[in-house]
Amino acid sequence: MKYKNLVLPFISCFLCVSTLASASTPEIPVATINARKILSDSQVAKEALVKFQADFLPKENELQGLATVLKEKNAELDKIGPSLSPSQFKDKQVENDALARDLKRKQQQFFEDRDARKRDDIQHVFGIATQAVKKIAEIMHVDMVFQDVVYANPKTDITARVIEVMDSQINK
């Protein structure tokens, strides 16, 4: 019975909330963009990818060549190892170990350089995309632009327009 005093305030609060919920609220103009599509379809991103691959493919091929040489040297050592003297075997093993360490160091440096460059390129593409989004949002009088939402009505998607603006900036 101690809850009897709470029934009237609860009902009045419920009525207020339902009245507010049913009242028409002004729509907030929003838009959405798909970041993956910008990275895959925009000319800026495609050009950055081509340049990225051109810069890193030769080094990657060099590392693959070193890995092949190391594998061949290890296979050769396994094959001729029993016929070598212990000191010759140890010398060859030390040589292969040094080559393996050098390869590992070069691979690590390559991966670090590649990842840093990739982050920079993506940041550059999104910098241009952000400028394009701002231009479009001002023209369309959009208050908020969301990136990579779970669901969005296709009429709110401005990704194609963003890509067009980005590509037109390249051609200037």
C-alpha atoms as a PDB file:
ATOM      1  CA  MET A   1       0.000   0.000   0.000  1.00  0.00           C
ATOM      2  CA  LYS A   2       2.967   2.307   0.275  1.00  0.00           C
ATOM      3  CA  TYR A   3       3.065   2.448  -3.555  1.00  0.00           C
ATOM      4  CA  LYS A   4      -0.423   3.937  -3.669  1.00  0.00           C
ATOM      5  CA  ASN A   5       1.028   7.451  -3.396  1.00  0.00           C
ATOM      6  CA  LEU A   6       3.208   6.808  -6.462  1.00  0.00           C
ATOM      7  CA  VAL A   7       0.390   5.812  -8.833  1.00  0.00           C
ATOM      8  CA  LEU A   8      -0.877   9.336  -9.583  1.00  0.00           C
ATOM      9  CA  PRO A   9       2.592  10.834 -10.302  1.00  0.00           C
ATOM     10  CA  PHE A  10       3.455   7.808 -12.466  1.00  0.00           C
ATOM     11  CA  ILE A  11       0.289   8.177 -14.559  1.00  0.00           C
ATOM     12  CA  SER A  12       0.799  11.904 -15.015  1.00  0.00           C
ATOM     13  CA  CYS A  13       4.446  11.358 -16.011  1.00  0.00           C
ATOM     14  CA  PHE A  14       3.398   8.659 -18.489  1.00  0.00           C
ATOM     15  CA  LEU A  15       0.827  10.978 -20.057  1.00  0.00           C
ATOM     16  CA  CYS A  16       3.390  13.779 -20.404  1.00  0.00           C
ATOM     17  CA  VAL A  17       5.938  11.507 -22.069  1.00  0.00           C
ATOM     18  CA  SER A  18       3.394  10.012 -24.464  1.00  0.00           C
ATOM     19  CA  THR A  19       2.152  13.501 -25.380  1.00  0.00           C
ATOM     20  CA  LEU A  20       5.698  14.660 -26.083  1.00  0.00           C
ATOM     21  CA  ALA A  21       6.456  11.550 -28.120  1.00  0.00           C
ATOM     22  CA  SER A  22       3.378  11.988 -30.281  1.00  0.00           C
ATOM     23  CA  ALA A  23       4.044  15.674 -30.912  1.00  0.00           C
ATOM     24  CA  SER A  24       5.660  16.301 -34.269  1.00  0.00           C
ATOM     25  CA  THR A  25       9.316  17.106 -33.928  1.00  0.00           C
ATOM     26  CA  PRO A  26      11.221  18.839 -36.673  1.00  0.00           C
ATOM     27  CA  GLU A  27      13.422  16.547 -38.745  1.00  0.00           C
ATOM     28  CA  ILE A  28      17.136  17.002 -38.425  1.00  0.00           C
ATOM     29  CA  PRO A  29      18.705  16.845 -41.869  1.00  0.00           C
ATOM     30  CA  VAL A  30      21.288  14.058 -41.884  1.00  0.00           C
ATOM     31  CA  ALA A  31      23.384  12.286 -44.476  1.00  0.00           C
ATOM     32  CA  THR A  32      25.574   9.213 -44.535  1.00  0.00           C
ATOM     33  CA  ILE A  33      28.750   8.190 -46.325  1.00  0.00           C
ATOM     34  CA  ASN A  34      30.355   4.809 -46.920  1.00  0.00           C
ATOM     35  CA  ALA A  35      34.086   5.042 -46.216  1.00  0.00           C
ATOM     36  CA  ARG A  36      34.884   1.705 -47.867  1.00  0.00           C
ATOM     37  CA  LYS A  37      33.237   2.821 -51.065  1.00  0.00           C
ATOM     38  CA  ILE A  38      35.209   6.073 -51.011  1.00  0.00           C
ATOM     39  CA  LEU A  39      38.438   4.092 -50.623  1.00  0.00           C
ATOM     40  CA  SER A  40      37.563   1.692 -53.420  1.00  0.00           C
ATOM     41  CA  ASP A  41      35.821   3.938 -55.951  1.00  0.00           C
ATOM     42  CA  SER A  42      37.343   7.408 -55.731  1.00  0.00           C
ATOM     43  CA  GLN A  43      40.022   8.364 -58.215  1.00  0.00           C
ATOM     44  CA  VAL A  44      42.109   9.881 -55.408  1.00  0.00           C
ATOM     45  CA  ALA A  45      42.244   6.526 -53.620  1.00  0.00           C
ATOM     46  CA  LYS A  46      42.931   4.613 -56.835  1.00  0.00           C
ATOM     47  CA  GLU A  47      45.848   6.887 -57.713  1.00  0.00           C
ATOM     48  CA  ALA A  48      47.229   6.617 -54.182  1.00  0.00           C
ATOM     49  CA  LEU A  49      47.009   2.812 -54.418  1.00  0.00           C
ATOM     50  CA  VAL A  50      48.838   2.727 -57.766  1.00  0.00           C
ATOM     51  CA  LYS A  51      51.608   4.949 -56.403  1.00  0.00           C
ATOM     52  CA  PHE A  52      51.763   2.886 -53.211  1.00  0.00           C
ATOM     53  CA  GLN A  53      52.141  -0.347 -55.155  1.00  0.00           C
ATOM     54  CA  ALA A  54      54.750   1.155 -57.474  1.00  0.00           C
ATOM     55  CA  ASP A  55      56.791   2.329 -54.492  1.00  0.00           C
ATOM     56  CA  PHE A  56      56.642  -0.902 -52.489  1.00  0.00           C
ATOM     57  CA  LEU A  57      56.481  -3.694 -55.077  1.00  0.00           C
ATOM     58  CA  PRO A  58      60.221  -3.636 -55.933  1.00  0.00           C
ATOM     59  CA  LYS A  59      61.211  -3.858 -52.266  1.00  0.00           C
ATOM     60  CA  GLU A  60      58.706  -6.656 -51.682  1.00  0.00           C
ATOM     61  CA  ASN A  61      60.127  -8.579 -54.652  1.00  0.00           C
ATOM     62  CA  GLU A  62      63.659  -8.068 -53.288  1.00  0.00           C
ATOM     63  CA  LEU A  63      62.599  -9.494 -49.924  1.00  0.00           C
ATOM     64  CA  GLN A  64      60.947 -12.473 -51.585  1.00  0.00           C
ATOM     65  CA  GLY A  65      64.179 -13.080 -53.502  1.00  0.00           C
ATOM     66  CA  LEU A  66      66.207 -12.977 -50.277  1.00  0.00           C
ATOM     67  CA  ALA A  67      63.770 -15.403 -48.659  1.00  0.00           C
ATOM     68  CA  THR A  68      64.177 -17.786 -51.609  1.00  0.00           C
ATOM     69  CA  VAL A  69      67.985 -17.550 -51.380  1.00  0.00           C
ATOM     70  CA  LEU A  70      67.849 -18.297 -47.666  1.00  0.00           C
ATOM     71  CA  LYS A  71      65.572 -21.271 -48.208  1.00  0.00           C
ATOM     72  CA  GLU A  72      67.909 -22.623 -50.909  1.00  0.00           C
ATOM     73  CA  LYS A  73      70.979 -22.162 -48.696  1.00  0.00           C
ATOM     74  CA  ASN A  74      69.272 -23.979 -45.811  1.00  0.00           C
ATOM     75  CA  ALA A  75      68.246 -26.812 -48.140  1.00  0.00           C
ATOM     76  CA  GLU A  76      71.810 -27.019 -49.473  1.00  0.00           C
ATOM     77  CA  LEU A  77      73.208 -27.094 -45.939  1.00  0.00           C
ATOM     78  CA  ASP A  78      70.818 -29.897 -45.029  1.00  0.00           C
ATOM     79  CA  LYS A  79      71.897 -31.803 -48.135  1.00  0.00           C
ATOM     80  CA  ILE A  80      75.674 -31.391 -47.856  1.00  0.00           C
ATOM     81  CA  GLY A  81      75.870 -30.943 -44.101  1.00  0.00           C
ATOM     82  CA  PRO A  82      76.788 -34.543 -43.294  1.00  0.00           C
ATOM     83  CA  SER A  83      79.759 -34.398 -45.680  1.00  0.00           C
ATOM     84  CA  LEU A  84      81.181 -31.182 -44.169  1.00  0.00           C
ATOM     85  CA  SER A  85      83.573 -31.003 -41.282  1.00  0.00           C
ATOM     86  CA  PRO A  86      82.044 -29.696 -38.036  1.00  0.00           C
ATOM     87  CA  SER A  87      83.814 -26.331 -38.412  1.00  0.00           C
ATOM     88  CA  GLN A  88      82.660 -25.934 -42.045  1.00  0.00           C
ATOM     89  CA  PHE A  89      79.116 -26.886 -41.060  1.00  0.00           C
ATOM     90  CA  LYS A  90      79.157 -24.367 -38.216  1.00  0.00           C
ATOM     91  CA  ASP A  91      80.515 -21.623 -40.522  1.00  0.00           C
ATOM     92  CA  LYS A  92      77.762 -22.260 -43.074  1.00  0.00           C
ATOM     93  CA  GLN A  93      75.153 -22.354 -40.313  1.00  0.00           C
ATOM     94  CA  VAL A  94      76.391 -19.028 -38.884  1.00  0.00           C
ATOM     95  CA  GLU A  95      76.294 -17.546 -42.401  1.00  0.00           C
ATOM     96  CA  ASN A  96      72.704 -18.734 -42.899  1.00  0.00           C
ATOM     97  CA  ASP A  97      71.687 -17.454 -39.473  1.00  0.00           C
ATOM     98  CA  ALA A  98      73.153 -14.028 -40.281  1.00  0.00           C
ATOM     99  CA  LEU A  99      71.243 -14.003 -43.575  1.00  0.00           C
ATOM    100  CA  ALA A 100      68.046 -14.976 -41.737  1.00  0.00           C
ATOM    101  CA  ARG A 101      68.512 -12.167 -39.192  1.00  0.00           C
ATOM    102  CA  ASP A 102      69.196  -9.683 -41.976  1.00  0.00           C
ATOM    103  CA  LEU A 103      66.096 -10.833 -43.852  1.00  0.00           C
ATOM    104  CA  LYS A 104      63.957 -10.585 -40.732  1.00  0.00           C
ATOM    105  CA  ARG A 105      65.250  -7.066 -39.986  1.00  0.00           C
ATOM    106  CA  LYS A 106      64.607  -5.953 -43.572  1.00  0.00           C
ATOM    107  CA  GLN A 107      61.109  -7.476 -43.525  1.00  0.00           C
ATOM    108  CA  GLN A 108      60.279  -5.751 -40.262  1.00  0.00           C
ATOM    109  CA  GLN A 109      61.500  -2.398 -41.611  1.00  0.00           C
ATOM    110  CA  PHE A 110      59.554  -2.968 -44.831  1.00  0.00           C
ATOM    111  CA  PHE A 111      56.327  -3.753 -42.975  1.00  0.00           C
ATOM    112  CA  GLU A 112      56.725  -0.713 -40.725  1.00  0.00           C
ATOM    113  CA  ASP A 113      57.400   1.578 -43.696  1.00  0.00           C
ATOM    114  CA  ARG A 114      54.540   0.068 -45.685  1.00  0.00           C
ATOM    115  CA  ASP A 115      52.042   0.358 -42.829  1.00  0.00           C
ATOM    116  CA  ALA A 116      53.036   3.946 -42.066  1.00  0.00           C
ATOM    117  CA  ARG A 117      52.688   4.888 -45.728  1.00  0.00           C
ATOM    118  CA  LYS A 118      49.332   3.119 -45.940  1.00  0.00           C
ATOM    119  CA  ARG A 119      48.048   5.067 -42.924  1.00  0.00           C
ATOM    120  CA  ASP A 120      49.306   8.321 -44.444  1.00  0.00           C
ATOM    121  CA  ASP A 121      47.661   7.584 -47.790  1.00  0.00           C
ATOM    122  CA  ILE A 122      44.343   6.712 -46.156  1.00  0.00           C
ATOM    123  CA  GLN A 123      44.545   9.835 -44.021  1.00  0.00           C
ATOM    124  CA  HIS A 124      45.225  11.909 -47.150  1.00  0.00           C
ATOM    125  CA  VAL A 125      42.230  10.397 -48.989  1.00  0.00           C
ATOM    126  CA  PHE A 126      39.953  10.989 -45.999  1.00  0.00           C
ATOM    127  CA  GLY A 127      41.233  14.546 -45.671  1.00  0.00           C
ATOM    128  CA  ILE A 128      40.084  15.235 -49.212  1.00  0.00           C
ATOM    129  CA  ALA A 129      36.839  13.349 -48.542  1.00  0.00           C
ATOM    130  CA  THR A 130      36.191  15.432 -45.421  1.00  0.00           C
ATOM    131  CA  GLN A 131      36.561  18.644 -47.423  1.00  0.00           C
ATOM    132  CA  ALA A 132      34.128  17.277 -50.016  1.00  0.00           C
ATOM    133  CA  VAL A 133      31.648  16.240 -47.319  1.00  0.00           C
ATOM    134  CA  LYS A 134      31.769  19.718 -45.782  1.00  0.00           C
ATOM    135  CA  LYS A 135      31.089  21.348 -49.164  1.00  0.00           C
ATOM    136  CA  ILE A 136      28.165  19.045 -49.889  1.00  0.00           C
ATOM    137  CA  ALA A 137      26.739  19.399 -46.373  1.00  0.00           C
ATOM    138  CA  GLU A 138      26.783  23.190 -46.682  1.00  0.00           C
ATOM    139  CA  ILE A 139      25.113  23.098 -50.096  1.00  0.00           C
ATOM    140  CA  MET A 140      22.450  20.600 -48.986  1.00  0.00           C
ATOM    141  CA  HIS A 141      21.982  22.267 -45.567  1.00  0.00           C
ATOM    142  CA  VAL A 142      22.776  19.014 -43.765  1.00  0.00           C
ATOM    143  CA  ASP A 143      23.338  19.252 -40.015  1.00  0.00           C
ATOM    144  CA  MET A 144      25.076  15.901 -39.496  1.00  0.00           C
ATOM    145  CA  VAL A 145      26.927  13.399 -41.665  1.00  0.00           C
ATOM    146  CA  PHE A 146      27.441   9.891 -40.345  1.00  0.00           C
ATOM    147  CA  GLN A 147      30.117   7.520 -41.584  1.00  0.00           C
ATOM    148  CA  ASP A 148      29.582   3.750 -41.869  1.00  0.00           C
ATOM    149  CA  VAL A 149      26.262   3.371 -40.108  1.00  0.00           C
ATOM    150  CA  VAL A 150      24.514   0.039 -39.612  1.00  0.00           C
ATOM    151  CA  TYR A 151      21.504   1.091 -41.657  1.00  0.00           C
ATOM    152  CA  ALA A 152      20.684   4.211 -43.589  1.00  0.00           C
ATOM    153  CA  ASN A 153      17.928   5.039 -45.990  1.00  0.00           C
ATOM    154  CA  PRO A 154      19.522   5.236 -49.465  1.00  0.00           C
ATOM    155  CA  LYS A 155      18.189   8.755 -49.910  1.00  0.00           C
ATOM    156  CA  THR A 156      20.542   9.927 -47.124  1.00  0.00           C
ATOM    157  CA  ASP A 157      23.639   8.390 -48.748  1.00  0.00           C
ATOM    158  CA  ILE A 158      25.834  11.085 -50.287  1.00  0.00           C
ATOM    159  CA  THR A 159      28.845   8.852 -51.009  1.00  0.00           C
ATOM    160  CA  ALA A 160      28.490   9.146 -54.785  1.00  0.00           C
ATOM    161  CA  ARG A 161      28.390  12.935 -54.549  1.00  0.00           C
ATOM    162  CA  VAL A 162      31.448  12.948 -52.296  1.00  0.00           C
ATOM    163  CA  ILE A 163      33.355  10.818 -54.806  1.00  0.00           C
ATOM    164  CA  GLU A 164      32.304  13.151 -57.646  1.00  0.00           C
ATOM    165  CA  VAL A 165      33.559  16.206 -55.749  1.00  0.00           C
ATOM    166  CA  MET A 166      36.816  14.441 -54.855  1.00  0.00           C
ATOM    167  CA  ASP A 167      37.397  13.377 -58.454  1.00  0.00           C
ATOM    168  CA  SER A 168      36.622  16.873 -59.767  1.00  0.00           C
ATOM    169  CA  GLN A 169      39.295  18.291 -57.450  1.00  0.00           C
ATOM    170  CA  ILE A 170      41.896  15.987 -59.003  1.00  0.00           C
ATOM    171  CA  ASN A 171      41.069  17.067 -62.528  1.00  0.00           C
ATOM    172  CA  LYS A 172      41.647  20.732 -61.685  1.00  0.00           C
END
